[in-house]
Amino acid sequence: MRRALPMIPLLVTLLVVACQFDERTVAVQAPQVVVHAVLDPGSPVQQVLVERTLTGTVDVRDDQRFDPNDPINSGGGIPIGDCQITVSGPDGVLIGEEILAQGKPFDYHTGRYFLRLPTQSVNAPVPLRPGARYELRVVTPDGHVVTGTTVIPNATAFVGVPQPVPFNRDRDSLRLTWRAAAGARSFLLRAESPFGPFLLFTDSNAVTLRGDLRNYFANSLERVFIPGFRQRINVAAVDSNYFDYYRTRNDPFTGAGIINRLQGGIGLFGAAVSVTGRNVDVVQDTREPAIEGVWDVAPTSTAARGIVDLVRIYVETPGEPAALSGWFVRDRGNVTRDGLVGTRVNGRIVLKLLATQSAADTVAVFSGEQRGDSLVGNFGSVQVPVVFVKRASQSP
């Protein structure tokens, strides 16, 4: 025992040394230019986004509501303004113009450039040509040059906005078919959902989507089709640049990164041609008649004016807690419908009224409880009672 005791301090020292890791200072990486542009002959607007990679040397805001007119700033990025952007094709050169918002500081930039198409006559721009090759050139104010090329798949663009068709996710499946497209590396199916888009690459010319399909891109694997929402499903023929960029991701463990075909920067210059599309008005069979249906705001609930006039509620996932979904109308004189999602936990009901049909973009939150044929609660910090009354007839 006396011989073992002197060894204890030595063993402790060896253990401490063994648990110490080498300390190394990681140098701050130089920012790179990021470019994102996808040519689409079926779109009336062609645009290029230019920004810098995040290195930690510049503070960015991550608490802003997303603005599609200012996607880089509101998305927590660093836009690059005052760039010279050209896209050369068989019919001339497209010039990029940055459109700045009114009332912003002189040094404010969006990094969003619209491509002005060459014109063959007054107010008659030359459309992008399927099957043609286009070359992108971006020059930043500090002299960085980014270039890339793409060939647009030779397909006839599907244009227009189809009228929504009823889709009962408990009973229906959605089948889409389309023609082959010369020069297309793959076809991308994109289904819009309040919990983020569902994406699928396919080499086929047809696809069938079941009503109970799960969205493996969503945080909690929510279903793709959510009752109460009008959802767009689109299929596009894409080139190799688009396919390779979106099928790869940066992996911090293996070091594998995106496939990048730009020179002088990173990102994407590709092409996509919409070949078919569908809009569906999603419903489902009744699960709980006591809560599912149309609810009108009571005339005495003045605190709801300008926020909501009526709601349609579905029990999207029953149980405890239960997931709710549906739609709402701000003014019944206006037929515009927006989506809602919510929960019911121990009888407490929370409804999130959404903008742009996105669960990440909440405009108001109702919290309350069901009392017979009434929902009684309030909106946020405004403690004025709001009452919804259930309709006997469920027609909107």
Protein backbone atom coordinates (compact mmCIF):
# COMPACT_ATOMS: atom_id res chain seq x y z
CA MET A 1 0.00 0.00 0.00
CA ARG A 2 2.85 2.38 0.86
CA ARG A 3 4.39 1.62 -2.54
CA ALA A 4 1.12 2.36 -4.38
CA LEU A 5 0.46 5.76 -2.79
CA PRO A 6 3.44 7.60 -4.38
CA MET A 7 2.18 6.45 -7.78
CA ILE A 8 -1.21 8.21 -7.45
CA PRO A 9 0.03 11.80 -8.18
CA LEU A 10 1.91 10.51 -11.23
CA LEU A 11 -1.19 8.75 -12.59
CA VAL A 12 -3.33 11.87 -12.08
CA THR A 13 -0.75 13.96 -13.95
CA LEU A 14 -0.72 11.48 -16.85
CA LEU A 15 -4.53 11.50 -17.03
CA VAL A 16 -4.68 15.30 -17.12
CA VAL A 17 -2.06 15.46 -19.87
CA ALA A 18 -3.87 12.75 -21.84
CA CYS A 19 -7.17 14.73 -21.68
CA GLN A 20 -5.66 17.97 -23.00
CA PHE A 21 -6.18 18.66 -26.69
CA ASP A 22 -3.89 20.67 -28.90
CA GLU A 23 -4.98 24.30 -29.13
CA ARG A 24 -4.79 25.88 -32.54
CA THR A 25 -5.87 29.28 -33.74
CA VAL A 26 -8.08 29.10 -36.80
CA ALA A 27 -7.49 32.07 -39.08
CA VAL A 28 -10.47 34.06 -40.30
CA GLN A 29 -11.19 33.00 -43.86
CA ALA A 30 -11.39 35.63 -46.56
CA PRO A 31 -15.00 36.17 -47.69
CA GLN A 32 -15.98 34.80 -51.08
CA VAL A 33 -18.46 36.08 -53.61
CA VAL A 34 -21.67 34.03 -53.79
CA VAL A 35 -23.84 34.22 -56.91
CA HIS A 36 -27.23 32.63 -57.43
CA ALA A 37 -29.04 32.86 -60.77
CA VAL A 38 -31.45 30.49 -62.52
CA LEU A 39 -32.68 31.29 -66.03
CA ASP A 40 -36.34 30.40 -66.62
CA PRO A 41 -37.89 31.09 -70.05
CA GLY A 42 -41.37 30.84 -68.54
CA SER A 43 -40.78 33.58 -65.97
CA PRO A 44 -41.38 37.25 -66.80
CA VAL A 45 -38.51 38.22 -64.49
CA GLN A 46 -34.90 36.98 -64.53
CA GLN A 47 -32.72 37.92 -61.58
CA VAL A 48 -29.27 37.44 -60.07
CA LEU A 49 -28.46 37.48 -56.34
CA VAL A 50 -24.94 38.50 -55.26
CA GLU A 51 -23.66 38.33 -51.67
CA ARG A 52 -20.63 37.49 -49.54
CA THR A 53 -20.00 34.38 -47.46
CA LEU A 54 -20.41 34.78 -43.70
CA THR A 55 -17.03 34.71 -41.94
CA GLY A 56 -18.04 36.19 -38.57
CA THR A 57 -16.35 39.52 -39.19
CA VAL A 58 -19.64 41.29 -40.04
CA ASP A 59 -22.68 41.34 -37.78
CA VAL A 60 -25.86 40.26 -39.54
CA ARG A 61 -29.42 40.39 -38.26
CA ASP A 62 -31.24 37.10 -37.90
CA ASP A 63 -34.40 38.47 -36.27
CA GLN A 64 -35.98 40.06 -39.34
CA ARG A 65 -39.18 38.97 -41.02
CA PHE A 66 -38.34 37.59 -44.46
CA ASP A 67 -38.98 40.01 -47.30
CA PRO A 68 -39.04 38.50 -50.82
CA ASN A 69 -38.13 41.92 -52.22
CA ASP A 70 -34.99 41.99 -50.07
CA PRO A 71 -34.09 38.30 -49.70
CA ILE A 72 -30.42 38.66 -48.75
CA ASN A 73 -30.71 41.30 -46.00
CA SER A 74 -33.86 39.80 -44.49
CA GLY A 75 -32.37 36.30 -44.79
CA GLY A 76 -29.33 37.18 -42.67
CA GLY A 77 -26.87 37.65 -45.54
CA ILE A 78 -24.43 40.30 -46.75
CA PRO A 79 -25.50 41.70 -50.14
CA ILE A 80 -23.02 43.13 -52.63
CA GLY A 81 -24.24 46.22 -54.45
CA ASP A 82 -22.97 48.21 -57.43
CA CYS A 83 -21.98 45.08 -59.39
CA GLN A 84 -21.65 44.97 -63.15
CA ILE A 85 -23.69 42.00 -64.36
CA THR A 86 -24.15 40.72 -67.90
CA VAL A 87 -25.60 37.55 -69.37
CA SER A 88 -24.63 36.95 -73.01
CA GLY A 89 -26.77 34.79 -75.26
CA PRO A 90 -27.58 34.19 -78.94
CA ASP A 91 -29.87 37.25 -79.12
CA GLY A 92 -27.68 39.80 -77.33
CA VAL A 93 -26.66 40.81 -73.83
CA LEU A 94 -28.87 40.99 -70.75
CA ILE A 95 -27.86 43.77 -68.34
CA GLY A 96 -28.35 43.43 -64.58
CA GLU A 97 -29.91 46.37 -62.72
CA GLU A 98 -30.17 46.60 -58.94
CA ILE A 99 -33.54 47.97 -57.84
CA LEU A 100 -33.26 49.79 -54.49
CA ALA A 101 -36.16 50.40 -52.16
CA GLN A 102 -37.41 53.93 -51.63
CA GLY A 103 -36.58 55.61 -48.34
CA LYS A 104 -33.45 53.55 -47.66
CA PRO A 105 -29.99 55.02 -46.84
CA PHE A 106 -27.70 55.85 -49.77
CA ASP A 107 -25.40 52.91 -48.93
CA TYR A 108 -28.24 50.40 -48.65
CA HIS A 109 -28.15 47.50 -51.11
CA THR A 110 -30.26 44.41 -51.74
CA GLY A 111 -27.77 42.46 -53.89
CA ARG A 112 -30.75 41.63 -56.11
CA TYR A 113 -30.30 42.37 -59.81
CA PHE A 114 -32.97 42.15 -62.50
CA LEU A 115 -31.82 41.20 -65.99
CA ARG A 116 -33.05 43.55 -68.70
CA LEU A 117 -33.77 41.52 -71.83
CA PRO A 118 -32.65 42.84 -75.24
CA THR A 119 -35.53 44.22 -77.30
CA GLN A 120 -36.40 43.60 -80.92
CA SER A 121 -38.88 46.51 -80.97
CA VAL A 122 -40.51 48.90 -78.51
CA ASN A 123 -41.81 47.02 -75.47
CA ALA A 124 -41.05 43.66 -77.13
CA PRO A 125 -38.17 41.97 -75.30
CA VAL A 126 -36.52 38.97 -76.88
CA PRO A 127 -37.42 35.93 -74.75
CA LEU A 128 -34.86 33.45 -73.51
CA ARG A 129 -34.32 30.66 -75.99
CA PRO A 130 -34.69 27.02 -74.87
CA GLY A 131 -31.72 24.92 -75.97
CA ALA A 132 -29.41 27.97 -76.14
CA ARG A 133 -26.17 28.61 -74.25
CA TYR A 134 -25.79 31.65 -71.96
CA GLU A 135 -22.71 33.10 -70.24
CA LEU A 136 -22.78 35.02 -66.96
CA ARG A 137 -20.22 37.62 -65.89
CA VAL A 138 -20.30 39.40 -62.51
CA VAL A 139 -17.79 42.11 -61.57
CA THR A 140 -17.92 43.37 -57.97
CA PRO A 141 -16.88 46.93 -56.97
CA ASP A 142 -13.57 45.62 -55.61
CA GLY A 143 -12.72 43.89 -58.89
CA HIS A 144 -13.66 40.26 -58.22
CA VAL A 145 -14.89 38.53 -61.37
CA VAL A 146 -17.26 35.56 -61.32
CA THR A 147 -18.22 33.74 -64.51
CA GLY A 148 -20.34 30.74 -65.46
CA THR A 149 -22.23 29.12 -68.33
CA THR A 150 -25.49 27.23 -68.70
CA VAL A 151 -27.56 25.65 -71.47
CA ILE A 152 -31.33 25.97 -71.06
CA PRO A 153 -33.14 22.61 -71.46
CA ASN A 154 -35.05 22.44 -74.73
CA ALA A 155 -38.60 22.30 -73.39
CA THR A 156 -41.79 24.27 -73.90
CA ALA A 157 -42.41 26.38 -70.81
CA PHE A 158 -45.61 25.79 -68.86
CA VAL A 159 -47.04 29.22 -68.05
CA GLY A 160 -50.11 30.48 -66.28
CA VAL A 161 -51.62 29.83 -62.87
CA PRO A 162 -53.94 26.80 -62.83
CA GLN A 163 -57.18 27.09 -60.88
CA PRO A 164 -57.04 25.18 -57.57
CA VAL A 165 -58.64 21.75 -57.69
CA PRO A 166 -60.11 20.04 -54.60
CA PHE A 167 -57.72 17.50 -53.05
CA ASN A 168 -58.81 15.31 -50.16
CA ARG A 169 -55.58 14.07 -48.63
CA ASP A 170 -57.38 11.15 -46.95
CA ARG A 171 -58.62 9.74 -50.25
CA ASP A 172 -56.78 11.29 -53.20
CA SER A 173 -53.40 10.94 -54.86
CA LEU A 174 -51.93 13.49 -57.25
CA ARG A 175 -50.50 12.20 -60.55
CA LEU A 176 -48.48 14.46 -62.86
CA THR A 177 -47.11 13.60 -66.31
CA TRP A 178 -44.92 15.55 -68.72
CA ARG A 179 -42.88 15.20 -71.90
CA ALA A 180 -39.18 14.51 -72.18
CA ALA A 181 -36.89 17.53 -72.63
CA ALA A 182 -33.67 17.47 -74.62
CA GLY A 183 -30.72 18.75 -72.60
CA ALA A 184 -32.40 18.22 -69.22
CA ARG A 185 -30.21 16.48 -66.66
CA SER A 186 -33.21 15.76 -64.44
CA PHE A 187 -36.68 16.94 -63.49
CA LEU A 188 -37.33 18.71 -60.21
CA LEU A 189 -40.69 18.37 -58.49
CA ARG A 190 -41.37 21.10 -55.93
CA ALA A 191 -44.45 21.10 -53.71
CA GLU A 192 -45.00 24.23 -51.63
CA SER A 193 -46.00 23.64 -48.02
CA PRO A 194 -46.36 25.83 -44.90
CA PHE A 195 -43.46 23.93 -43.31
CA GLY A 196 -41.08 24.37 -46.24
CA PRO A 197 -41.00 22.98 -49.78
CA PHE A 198 -40.90 19.28 -50.60
CA LEU A 199 -38.31 18.59 -53.33
CA LEU A 200 -37.79 15.52 -55.48
CA PHE A 201 -35.46 14.90 -58.42
CA THR A 202 -36.60 12.27 -60.91
CA ASP A 203 -35.54 10.92 -64.32
CA SER A 204 -39.08 9.75 -65.02
CA ASN A 205 -41.81 11.56 -66.97
CA ALA A 206 -44.50 10.90 -64.38
CA VAL A 207 -44.90 10.95 -60.61
CA THR A 208 -47.69 10.12 -58.16
CA LEU A 209 -47.91 11.83 -54.75
CA ARG A 210 -50.03 10.21 -52.04
CA GLY A 211 -52.15 12.44 -49.85
CA ASP A 212 -50.42 11.25 -46.67
CA LEU A 213 -46.89 11.86 -48.00
CA ARG A 214 -44.43 13.08 -45.35
CA ASN A 215 -42.12 16.04 -45.98
CA TYR A 216 -38.65 14.81 -45.03
CA PHE A 217 -37.33 18.35 -45.50
CA ALA A 218 -39.55 19.65 -42.66
CA ASN A 219 -38.21 19.85 -39.11
CA SER A 220 -40.80 17.48 -37.62
CA LEU A 221 -41.56 15.45 -40.76
CA GLU A 222 -44.93 17.13 -41.19
CA ARG A 223 -47.08 15.96 -44.08
CA VAL A 224 -46.67 17.62 -47.46
CA PHE A 225 -50.39 18.33 -47.93
CA ILE A 226 -51.94 20.36 -45.09
CA PRO A 227 -55.75 20.82 -44.97
CA GLY A 228 -56.88 24.41 -45.35
CA PHE A 229 -53.98 25.40 -47.62
CA ARG A 230 -53.89 26.03 -51.35
CA GLN A 231 -50.61 24.50 -52.43
CA ARG A 232 -48.65 24.73 -55.68
CA ILE A 233 -46.91 21.70 -57.19
CA ASN A 234 -44.52 22.36 -60.04
CA VAL A 235 -42.22 20.23 -62.21
CA ALA A 236 -39.24 21.78 -64.02
CA ALA A 237 -36.62 20.44 -66.42
CA VAL A 238 -33.23 21.46 -65.02
CA ASP A 239 -29.68 21.56 -66.36
CA SER A 240 -26.63 19.83 -64.85
CA ASN A 241 -25.56 22.93 -62.91
CA TYR A 242 -28.89 23.12 -61.11
CA PHE A 243 -29.08 19.37 -60.48
CA ASP A 244 -25.56 19.06 -59.07
CA TYR A 245 -25.81 22.18 -56.92
CA TYR A 246 -29.06 21.18 -55.20
CA ARG A 247 -28.31 17.48 -54.81
CA THR A 248 -25.12 18.19 -52.82
CA ARG A 249 -24.60 19.78 -49.42
CA ASN A 250 -21.59 20.90 -47.41
CA ASP A 251 -20.70 18.22 -44.84
CA PRO A 252 -18.60 19.54 -41.91
CA PHE A 253 -17.54 15.99 -40.94
CA THR A 254 -16.36 14.61 -44.28
CA GLY A 255 -15.38 17.90 -45.88
CA ALA A 256 -17.48 17.12 -48.96
CA GLY A 257 -19.07 20.23 -50.36
CA ILE A 258 -21.40 21.45 -53.05
CA ILE A 259 -20.56 20.93 -56.69
CA ASN A 260 -19.68 24.42 -57.88
CA ARG A 261 -19.22 25.26 -61.55
CA LEU A 262 -18.67 29.00 -61.20
CA GLN A 263 -15.23 30.46 -61.76
CA GLY A 264 -14.05 33.12 -59.28
CA GLY A 265 -16.83 32.51 -56.78
CA ILE A 266 -19.29 29.95 -55.48
CA GLY A 267 -22.97 29.39 -56.06
CA LEU A 268 -25.13 28.58 -59.05
CA PHE A 269 -25.73 29.76 -62.59
CA GLY A 270 -28.23 27.29 -63.98
CA ALA A 271 -31.47 26.90 -65.88
CA ALA A 272 -34.92 25.50 -65.15
CA VAL A 273 -37.94 25.26 -67.44
CA SER A 274 -41.33 24.62 -65.85
CA VAL A 275 -43.02 21.79 -67.77
CA THR A 276 -46.20 21.23 -65.73
CA GLY A 277 -47.90 22.43 -62.58
CA ARG A 278 -50.96 22.07 -60.41
CA ASN A 279 -52.66 24.02 -57.62
CA VAL A 280 -54.58 21.99 -55.05
CA ASP A 281 -57.09 23.10 -52.43
CA VAL A 282 -56.36 20.64 -49.62
CA VAL A 283 -59.14 19.28 -47.41
CA GLN A 284 -59.60 16.12 -45.33
CA ASP A 285 -62.39 14.02 -43.83
CA THR A 286 -63.89 15.24 -40.55
CA ARG A 287 -62.15 13.90 -37.46
CA GLU A 288 -63.67 15.92 -34.60
CA PRO A 289 -66.96 17.64 -35.55
CA ALA A 290 -67.07 19.62 -32.31
CA ILE A 291 -64.13 21.82 -33.30
CA GLU A 292 -63.78 21.34 -37.05
CA GLY A 293 -65.66 23.77 -39.24
CA VAL A 294 -66.14 27.48 -39.91
CA TRP A 295 -66.02 29.95 -37.00
CA ASP A 296 -67.19 33.57 -37.31
CA VAL A 297 -65.92 36.41 -35.16
CA ALA A 298 -68.72 37.64 -32.91
CA PRO A 299 -69.91 41.19 -33.78
CA THR A 300 -68.96 42.36 -30.28
CA SER A 301 -65.29 41.28 -30.68
CA THR A 302 -63.95 44.63 -31.84
CA ALA A 303 -60.35 43.61 -30.99
CA ALA A 304 -60.40 41.21 -33.99
CA ARG A 305 -61.25 43.89 -36.56
CA GLY A 306 -58.61 44.14 -39.24
CA ILE A 307 -57.02 40.89 -38.06
CA VAL A 308 -59.56 38.17 -38.82
CA ASP A 309 -63.24 37.86 -39.73
CA LEU A 310 -63.66 34.09 -39.88
CA VAL A 311 -61.57 30.92 -39.64
CA ARG A 312 -61.90 27.36 -40.93
CA ILE A 313 -60.32 24.79 -38.57
CA TYR A 314 -59.22 21.19 -39.24
CA VAL A 315 -57.72 18.73 -36.75
CA GLU A 316 -54.66 17.98 -38.85
CA THR A 317 -53.25 15.42 -36.37
CA PRO A 318 -55.49 14.21 -33.53
CA GLY A 319 -54.23 13.27 -30.08
CA GLU A 320 -52.69 15.06 -27.13
CA PRO A 321 -51.36 17.47 -28.14
CA ALA A 322 -53.33 17.86 -31.36
CA ALA A 323 -52.10 19.73 -34.44
CA LEU A 324 -54.59 22.13 -36.05
CA SER A 325 -54.60 23.74 -39.50
CA GLY A 326 -56.95 25.64 -41.76
CA TRP A 327 -57.45 29.05 -43.28
CA PHE A 328 -58.72 32.48 -42.29
CA VAL A 329 -60.21 35.55 -43.95
CA ARG A 330 -59.44 39.06 -42.76
CA ASP A 331 -62.58 40.51 -44.33
CA ARG A 332 -65.41 38.31 -45.59
CA GLY A 333 -66.03 40.87 -48.29
CA ASN A 334 -62.62 39.88 -49.69
CA VAL A 335 -62.29 36.30 -50.94
CA THR A 336 -58.55 36.17 -50.19
CA ARG A 337 -57.69 33.24 -47.91
CA ASP A 338 -54.53 32.81 -45.85
CA GLY A 339 -53.39 29.73 -43.97
CA LEU A 340 -53.32 29.00 -40.25
CA VAL A 341 -51.65 26.37 -38.09
CA GLY A 342 -52.09 25.68 -34.42
CA THR A 343 -52.19 23.32 -31.47
CA ARG A 344 -54.56 22.08 -28.80
CA VAL A 345 -52.87 21.13 -25.53
CA ASN A 346 -54.93 20.21 -22.45
CA GLY A 347 -57.88 22.07 -23.94
CA ARG A 348 -55.88 25.23 -24.65
CA ILE A 349 -56.13 26.27 -28.31
CA VAL A 350 -53.48 28.36 -30.09
CA LEU A 351 -54.04 29.51 -33.68
CA LYS A 352 -51.23 31.15 -35.66
CA LEU A 353 -52.50 33.28 -38.54
CA LEU A 354 -49.94 33.22 -41.33
CA ALA A 355 -48.76 35.47 -44.13
CA THR A 356 -47.53 34.03 -47.46
CA GLN A 357 -48.81 30.60 -46.31
CA SER A 358 -45.60 30.03 -44.36
CA ALA A 359 -45.54 28.66 -40.80
CA ALA A 360 -42.43 30.78 -40.24
CA ASP A 361 -44.29 34.02 -41.01
CA THR A 362 -46.91 34.67 -38.31
CA VAL A 363 -49.00 37.85 -38.39
CA ALA A 364 -51.17 37.22 -35.31
CA VAL A 365 -51.67 34.57 -32.61
CA PHE A 366 -55.00 33.72 -31.00
CA SER A 367 -54.92 31.88 -27.67
CA GLY A 368 -58.05 30.63 -25.94
CA GLU A 369 -60.32 27.68 -25.24
CA GLN A 370 -63.47 26.10 -26.58
CA ARG A 371 -66.67 26.62 -24.65
CA GLY A 372 -69.43 24.75 -26.43
CA ASP A 373 -69.99 26.42 -29.79
CA SER A 374 -67.64 29.31 -28.95
CA LEU A 375 -63.89 29.90 -28.94
CA VAL A 376 -63.01 32.47 -26.28
CA GLY A 377 -59.57 34.06 -25.97
CA ASN A 378 -57.45 36.99 -27.12
CA PHE A 379 -54.70 38.06 -29.50
CA GLY A 380 -51.25 38.26 -27.90
CA SER A 381 -50.74 40.97 -25.31
CA VAL A 382 -54.08 42.62 -26.11
CA GLN A 383 -56.20 41.26 -23.28
CA VAL A 384 -59.51 42.30 -24.85
CA PRO A 385 -61.69 39.17 -25.23
CA VAL A 386 -62.28 37.78 -28.72
CA VAL A 387 -65.08 35.30 -29.39
CA PHE A 388 -65.55 33.03 -32.39
CA VAL A 389 -68.96 31.39 -32.91
CA LYS A 390 -69.25 28.10 -34.79
CA ARG A 391 -71.51 27.98 -37.82
CA ALA A 392 -74.24 25.39 -38.05
CA SER A 393 -73.62 25.20 -41.82
CA GLN A 394 -69.98 24.65 -42.76
CA SER A 395 -70.03 26.45 -46.10
CA PRO A 396 -67.68 29.50 -46.04
